[in-house]
Amino acid sequence: MLGEYESLIKHLITNYEGLSPTQRLWMVRLTDQIKGYGSVKEQNIALFRRSLTEAMALPQAQIAGLAA
């Protein structure tokens, strides 16, 4: 998971100029979804990974809709 978070941060840095503060904060806080133990944590990791995929794939203008 560390590598996934590092990829997110690199993406954030690369696209920093084109992202609003709200978008940046949303992307950095994606890891806040990872809570719990056992199956609950596994579900939250899956949610994090889906959100990460969306954050990395969507055009910058669409990220604003997710951050709202």
PDB file of N, CA and C in Angstrom:
ATOM      1  N   MET A   1       0.812  -1.199   0.000  1.00  0.00           N
ATOM      2  CA  MET A   1       0.000   0.000   0.000  1.00  0.00           C
ATOM      3  C   MET A   1       0.856   1.263   0.000  1.00  0.00           C
ATOM      4  N   LEU A   2       2.039   1.157   0.531  1.00  0.00           N
ATOM      5  CA  LEU A   2       2.914   2.321   0.551  1.00  0.00           C
ATOM      6  C   LEU A   2       3.211   2.800  -0.868  1.00  0.00           C
ATOM      7  N   GLY A   3       3.465   1.850  -1.763  1.00  0.00           N
ATOM      8  CA  GLY A   3       3.733   2.194  -3.157  1.00  0.00           C
ATOM      9  C   GLY A   3       2.549   2.882  -3.822  1.00  0.00           C
ATOM     10  N   GLU A   4       1.351   2.437  -3.472  1.00  0.00           N
ATOM     11  CA  GLU A   4       0.149   3.057  -4.025  1.00  0.00           C
ATOM     12  C   GLU A   4       0.029   4.501  -3.549  1.00  0.00           C
ATOM     13  N   TYR A   5       0.307   4.713  -2.269  1.00  0.00           N
ATOM     14  CA  TYR A   5       0.225   6.073  -1.731  1.00  0.00           C
ATOM     15  C   TYR A   5       1.312   6.956  -2.340  1.00  0.00           C
ATOM     16  N   GLU A   6       2.507   6.393  -2.529  1.00  0.00           N
ATOM     17  CA  GLU A   6       3.577   7.153  -3.165  1.00  0.00           C
ATOM     18  C   GLU A   6       3.188   7.560  -4.585  1.00  0.00           C
ATOM     19  N   SER A   7       2.537   6.666  -5.322  1.00  0.00           N
ATOM     20  CA  SER A   7       2.072   6.986  -6.671  1.00  0.00           C
ATOM     21  C   SER A   7       1.064   8.126  -6.641  1.00  0.00           C
ATOM     22  N   LEU A   8       0.176   8.092  -5.670  1.00  0.00           N
ATOM     23  CA  LEU A   8      -0.809   9.151  -5.522  1.00  0.00           C
ATOM     24  C   LEU A   8      -0.123  10.494  -5.263  1.00  0.00           C
ATOM     25  N   ILE A   9       0.851  10.503  -4.376  1.00  0.00           N
ATOM     26  CA  ILE A   9       1.556  11.745  -4.046  1.00  0.00           C
ATOM     27  C   ILE A   9       2.326  12.258  -5.266  1.00  0.00           C
ATOM     28  N   LYS A  10       2.957  11.360  -6.019  1.00  0.00           N
ATOM     29  CA  LYS A  10       3.658  11.779  -7.238  1.00  0.00           C
ATOM     30  C   LYS A  10       2.682  12.373  -8.240  1.00  0.00           C
ATOM     31  N   HIS A  11       1.518  11.760  -8.377  1.00  0.00           N
ATOM     32  CA  HIS A  11       0.480  12.275  -9.275  1.00  0.00           C
ATOM     33  C   HIS A  11       0.029  13.664  -8.797  1.00  0.00           C
ATOM     34  N   LEU A  12      -0.132  13.810  -7.515  1.00  0.00           N
ATOM     35  CA  LEU A  12      -0.543  15.086  -6.940  1.00  0.00           C
ATOM     36  C   LEU A  12       0.503  16.163  -7.213  1.00  0.00           C
ATOM     37  N   ILE A  13       1.762  15.838  -7.037  1.00  0.00           N
ATOM     38  CA  ILE A  13       2.842  16.800  -7.273  1.00  0.00           C
ATOM     39  C   ILE A  13       2.905  17.182  -8.753  1.00  0.00           C
ATOM     40  N   THR A  14       2.798  16.192  -9.623  1.00  0.00           N
ATOM     41  CA  THR A  14       2.862  16.435 -11.064  1.00  0.00           C
ATOM     42  C   THR A  14       1.736  17.337 -11.527  1.00  0.00           C
ATOM     43  N   ASN A  15       0.554  17.164 -10.945  1.00  0.00           N
ATOM     44  CA  ASN A  15      -0.630  17.915 -11.365  1.00  0.00           C
ATOM     45  C   ASN A  15      -0.995  19.038 -10.395  1.00  0.00           C
ATOM     46  N   TYR A  16      -0.081  19.401  -9.521  1.00  0.00           N
ATOM     47  CA  TYR A  16      -0.354  20.358  -8.451  1.00  0.00           C
ATOM     48  C   TYR A  16      -0.962  21.670  -8.961  1.00  0.00           C
ATOM     49  N   GLU A  17      -0.377  22.223  -9.991  1.00  0.00           N
ATOM     50  CA  GLU A  17      -0.825  23.525 -10.511  1.00  0.00           C
ATOM     51  C   GLU A  17      -2.281  23.478 -10.983  1.00  0.00           C
ATOM     52  N   GLY A  18      -2.710  22.352 -11.528  1.00  0.00           N
ATOM     53  CA  GLY A  18      -4.048  22.256 -12.087  1.00  0.00           C
ATOM     54  C   GLY A  18      -5.116  21.828 -11.102  1.00  0.00           C
ATOM     55  N   LEU A  19      -4.724  21.583  -9.854  1.00  0.00           N
ATOM     56  CA  LEU A  19      -5.681  21.110  -8.843  1.00  0.00           C
ATOM     57  C   LEU A  19      -6.009  22.220  -7.855  1.00  0.00           C
ATOM     58  N   SER A  20      -7.238  22.265  -7.439  1.00  0.00           N
ATOM     59  CA  SER A  20      -7.628  23.237  -6.412  1.00  0.00           C
ATOM     60  C   SER A  20      -7.190  22.713  -5.045  1.00  0.00           C
ATOM     61  N   PRO A  21      -7.142  23.567  -4.039  1.00  0.00           N
ATOM     62  CA  PRO A  21      -6.816  23.098  -2.695  1.00  0.00           C
ATOM     63  C   PRO A  21      -7.758  21.994  -2.213  1.00  0.00           C
ATOM     64  N   THR A  22      -9.022  22.086  -2.561  1.00  0.00           N
ATOM     65  CA  THR A  22      -9.991  21.063  -2.169  1.00  0.00           C
ATOM     66  C   THR A  22      -9.654  19.728  -2.812  1.00  0.00           C
ATOM     67  N   GLN A  23      -9.282  19.759  -4.072  1.00  0.00           N
ATOM     68  CA  GLN A  23      -8.907  18.534  -4.775  1.00  0.00           C
ATOM     69  C   GLN A  23      -7.663  17.906  -4.158  1.00  0.00           C
ATOM     70  N   ARG A  24      -6.686  18.734  -3.875  1.00  0.00           N
ATOM     71  CA  ARG A  24      -5.447  18.231  -3.261  1.00  0.00           C
ATOM     72  C   ARG A  24      -5.739  17.565  -1.924  1.00  0.00           C
ATOM     73  N   LEU A  25      -6.545  18.227  -1.114  1.00  0.00           N
ATOM     74  CA  LEU A  25      -6.883  17.690   0.201  1.00  0.00           C
ATOM     75  C   LEU A  25      -7.632  16.372   0.077  1.00  0.00           C
ATOM     76  N   TRP A  26      -8.580  16.296  -0.848  1.00  0.00           N
ATOM     77  CA  TRP A  26      -9.329  15.054  -1.063  1.00  0.00           C
ATOM     78  C   TRP A  26      -8.387  13.910  -1.409  1.00  0.00           C
ATOM     79  N   MET A  27      -7.433  14.180  -2.286  1.00  0.00           N
ATOM     80  CA  MET A  27      -6.513  13.126  -2.707  1.00  0.00           C
ATOM     81  C   MET A  27      -5.622  12.671  -1.559  1.00  0.00           C
ATOM     82  N   VAL A  28      -5.110  13.601  -0.794  1.00  0.00           N
ATOM     83  CA  VAL A  28      -4.235  13.244   0.327  1.00  0.00           C
ATOM     84  C   VAL A  28      -5.002  12.471   1.396  1.00  0.00           C
ATOM     85  N   ARG A  29      -6.263  12.775   1.569  1.00  0.00           N
ATOM     86  CA  ARG A  29      -7.058  12.125   2.618  1.00  0.00           C
ATOM     87  C   ARG A  29      -7.663  10.779   2.202  1.00  0.00           C
ATOM     88  N   LEU A  30      -7.367  10.302   1.029  1.00  0.00           N
ATOM     89  CA  LEU A  30      -7.903   9.009   0.608  1.00  0.00           C
ATOM     90  C   LEU A  30      -7.546   7.897   1.598  1.00  0.00           C
ATOM     91  N   THR A  31      -6.379   7.993   2.204  1.00  0.00           N
ATOM     92  CA  THR A  31      -5.962   6.951   3.149  1.00  0.00           C
ATOM     93  C   THR A  31      -6.778   6.974   4.437  1.00  0.00           C
ATOM     94  N   ASP A  32      -7.485   8.047   4.703  1.00  0.00           N
ATOM     95  CA  ASP A  32      -8.325   8.114   5.902  1.00  0.00           C
ATOM     96  C   ASP A  32      -9.429   7.057   5.874  1.00  0.00           C
ATOM     97  N   GLN A  33      -9.712   6.509   4.700  1.00  0.00           N
ATOM     98  CA  GLN A  33     -10.740   5.485   4.570  1.00  0.00           C
ATOM     99  C   GLN A  33     -10.300   4.156   5.185  1.00  0.00           C
ATOM    100  N   ILE A  34      -9.002   3.970   5.375  1.00  0.00           N
ATOM    101  CA  ILE A  34      -8.479   2.687   5.832  1.00  0.00           C
ATOM    102  C   ILE A  34      -8.535   2.637   7.354  1.00  0.00           C
ATOM    103  N   LYS A  35      -9.587   1.997   7.856  1.00  0.00           N
ATOM    104  CA  LYS A  35      -9.802   1.869   9.302  1.00  0.00           C
ATOM    105  C   LYS A  35     -10.330   0.471   9.581  1.00  0.00           C
ATOM    106  N   GLY A  36     -10.250   0.071  10.824  1.00  0.00           N
ATOM    107  CA  GLY A  36     -10.854  -1.190  11.243  1.00  0.00           C
ATOM    108  C   GLY A  36      -9.873  -2.340  11.284  1.00  0.00           C
ATOM    109  N   TYR A  37     -10.427  -3.509  11.509  1.00  0.00           N
ATOM    110  CA  TYR A  37      -9.649  -4.738  11.618  1.00  0.00           C
ATOM    111  C   TYR A  37     -10.294  -5.817  10.765  1.00  0.00           C
ATOM    112  N   GLY A  38      -9.484  -6.773  10.356  1.00  0.00           N
ATOM    113  CA  GLY A  38     -10.000  -7.934   9.653  1.00  0.00           C
ATOM    114  C   GLY A  38     -10.743  -7.577   8.379  1.00  0.00           C
ATOM    115  N   SER A  39     -11.943  -8.138   8.244  1.00  0.00           N
ATOM    116  CA  SER A  39     -12.719  -7.952   7.015  1.00  0.00           C
ATOM    117  C   SER A  39     -13.144  -6.501   6.821  1.00  0.00           C
ATOM    118  N   VAL A  40     -13.372  -5.777   7.902  1.00  0.00           N
ATOM    119  CA  VAL A  40     -13.743  -4.358   7.784  1.00  0.00           C
ATOM    120  C   VAL A  40     -12.586  -3.582   7.161  1.00  0.00           C
ATOM    121  N   LYS A  41     -11.373  -3.844   7.631  1.00  0.00           N
ATOM    122  CA  LYS A  41     -10.205  -3.163   7.080  1.00  0.00           C
ATOM    123  C   LYS A  41      -9.997  -3.550   5.618  1.00  0.00           C
ATOM    124  N   GLU A  42     -10.182  -4.813   5.288  1.00  0.00           N
ATOM    125  CA  GLU A  42     -10.034  -5.262   3.905  1.00  0.00           C
ATOM    126  C   GLU A  42     -11.031  -4.551   2.990  1.00  0.00           C
ATOM    127  N   GLN A  43     -12.258  -4.367   3.450  1.00  0.00           N
ATOM    128  CA  GLN A  43     -13.264  -3.644   2.666  1.00  0.00           C
ATOM    129  C   GLN A  43     -12.845  -2.189   2.473  1.00  0.00           C
ATOM    130  N   ASN A  44     -12.305  -1.589   3.523  1.00  0.00           N
ATOM    131  CA  ASN A  44     -11.869  -0.198   3.440  1.00  0.00           C
ATOM    132  C   ASN A  44     -10.653  -0.039   2.530  1.00  0.00           C
ATOM    133  N   ILE A  45      -9.778  -1.037   2.516  1.00  0.00           N
ATOM    134  CA  ILE A  45      -8.640  -1.009   1.600  1.00  0.00           C
ATOM    135  C   ILE A  45      -9.138  -1.080   0.162  1.00  0.00           C
ATOM    136  N   ALA A  46     -10.129  -1.933  -0.083  1.00  0.00           N
ATOM    137  CA  ALA A  46     -10.709  -2.029  -1.422  1.00  0.00           C
ATOM    138  C   ALA A  46     -11.331  -0.693  -1.833  1.00  0.00           C
ATOM    139  N   LEU A  47     -12.018  -0.026  -0.908  1.00  0.00           N
ATOM    140  CA  LEU A  47     -12.603   1.286  -1.183  1.00  0.00           C
ATOM    141  C   LEU A  47     -11.511   2.301  -1.504  1.00  0.00           C
ATOM    142  N   PHE A  48     -10.435   2.285  -0.728  1.00  0.00           N
ATOM    143  CA  PHE A  48      -9.293   3.167  -0.980  1.00  0.00           C
ATOM    144  C   PHE A  48      -8.743   2.934  -2.380  1.00  0.00           C
ATOM    145  N   ARG A  49      -8.583   1.674  -2.751  1.00  0.00           N
ATOM    146  CA  ARG A  49      -8.011   1.359  -4.066  1.00  0.00           C
ATOM    147  C   ARG A  49      -8.923   1.800  -5.205  1.00  0.00           C
ATOM    148  N   ARG A  50     -10.224   1.673  -5.038  1.00  0.00           N
ATOM    149  CA  ARG A  50     -11.157   2.158  -6.067  1.00  0.00           C
ATOM    150  C   ARG A  50     -11.052   3.682  -6.190  1.00  0.00           C
ATOM    151  N   SER A  51     -11.029   4.349  -5.044  1.00  0.00           N
ATOM    152  CA  SER A  51     -10.915   5.818  -5.051  1.00  0.00           C
ATOM    153  C   SER A  51      -9.590   6.258  -5.660  1.00  0.00           C
ATOM    154  N   LEU A  52      -8.528   5.526  -5.349  1.00  0.00           N
ATOM    155  CA  LEU A  52      -7.209   5.833  -5.895  1.00  0.00           C
ATOM    156  C   LEU A  52      -7.213   5.691  -7.411  1.00  0.00           C
ATOM    157  N   THR A  53      -7.809   4.633  -7.906  1.00  0.00           N
ATOM    158  CA  THR A  53      -7.898   4.419  -9.345  1.00  0.00           C
ATOM    159  C   THR A  53      -8.655   5.561 -10.010  1.00  0.00           C
ATOM    160  N   GLU A  54      -9.758   5.982  -9.397  1.00  0.00           N
ATOM    161  CA  GLU A  54     -10.530   7.104  -9.938  1.00  0.00           C
ATOM    162  C   GLU A  54      -9.717   8.388  -9.923  1.00  0.00           C
ATOM    163  N   ALA A  55      -9.013   8.637  -8.838  1.00  0.00           N
ATOM    164  CA  ALA A  55      -8.228   9.868  -8.717  1.00  0.00           C
ATOM    165  C   ALA A  55      -7.121   9.918  -9.765  1.00  0.00           C
ATOM    166  N   MET A  56      -6.504   8.766 -10.044  1.00  0.00           N
ATOM    167  CA  MET A  56      -5.402   8.730 -10.995  1.00  0.00           C
ATOM    168  C   MET A  56      -5.893   8.773 -12.447  1.00  0.00           C
ATOM    169  N   ALA A  57      -7.133   8.337 -12.699  1.00  0.00           N
ATOM    170  CA  ALA A  57      -7.616   8.210 -14.069  1.00  0.00           C
ATOM    171  C   ALA A  57      -8.452   9.388 -14.551  1.00  0.00           C
ATOM    172  N   LEU A  58      -9.131  10.040 -13.658  1.00  0.00           N
ATOM    173  CA  LEU A  58     -10.047  11.101 -14.072  1.00  0.00           C
ATOM    174  C   LEU A  58      -9.302  12.362 -14.476  1.00  0.00           C
ATOM    175  N   PRO A  59      -9.866  13.059 -15.464  1.00  0.00           N
ATOM    176  CA  PRO A  59      -9.311  14.379 -15.781  1.00  0.00           C
ATOM    177  C   PRO A  59      -9.429  15.295 -14.560  1.00  0.00           C
ATOM    178  N   GLN A  60      -8.564  16.230 -14.454  1.00  0.00           N
ATOM    179  CA  GLN A  60      -8.527  17.114 -13.287  1.00  0.00           C
ATOM    180  C   GLN A  60      -9.851  17.810 -13.036  1.00  0.00           C
ATOM    181  N   ALA A  61     -10.551  18.196 -14.070  1.00  0.00           N
ATOM    182  CA  ALA A  61     -11.823  18.895 -13.889  1.00  0.00           C
ATOM    183  C   ALA A  61     -12.865  18.006 -13.216  1.00  0.00           C
ATOM    184  N   GLN A  62     -12.787  16.704 -13.434  1.00  0.00           N
ATOM    185  CA  GLN A  62     -13.754  15.802 -12.833  1.00  0.00           C
ATOM    186  C   GLN A  62     -13.432  15.487 -11.389  1.00  0.00           C
ATOM    187  N   ILE A  63     -12.191  15.622 -10.976  1.00  0.00           N
ATOM    188  CA  ILE A  63     -11.814  15.364  -9.592  1.00  0.00           C
ATOM    189  C   ILE A  63     -12.566  16.310  -8.655  1.00  0.00           C
ATOM    190  N   ALA A  64     -12.857  17.518  -9.124  1.00  0.00           N
ATOM    191  CA  ALA A  64     -13.566  18.494  -8.302  1.00  0.00           C
ATOM    192  C   ALA A  64     -14.926  17.961  -7.879  1.00  0.00           C
ATOM    193  N   GLY A  65     -15.602  17.245  -8.732  1.00  0.00           N
ATOM    194  CA  GLY A  65     -16.904  16.674  -8.383  1.00  0.00           C
ATOM    195  C   GLY A  65     -16.789  15.627  -7.294  1.00  0.00           C
ATOM    196  N   LEU A  66     -15.716  14.862  -7.258  1.00  0.00           N
ATOM    197  CA  LEU A  66     -15.514  13.859  -6.220  1.00  0.00           C
ATOM    198  C   LEU A  66     -15.135  14.497  -4.900  1.00  0.00           C
ATOM    199  N   ALA A  67     -14.415  15.593  -4.969  1.00  0.00           N
ATOM    200  CA  ALA A  67     -13.941  16.254  -3.750  1.00  0.00           C
ATOM    201  C   ALA A  67     -15.050  17.012  -3.039  1.00  0.00           C
ATOM    202  N   ALA A  68     -16.094  17.334  -3.730  1.00  0.00           N
ATOM    203  CA  ALA A  68     -17.174  18.125  -3.137  1.00  0.00           C
ATOM    204  C   ALA A  68     -17.977  17.344  -2.123  1.00  0.00           C
TER     205      ALA A  68
END
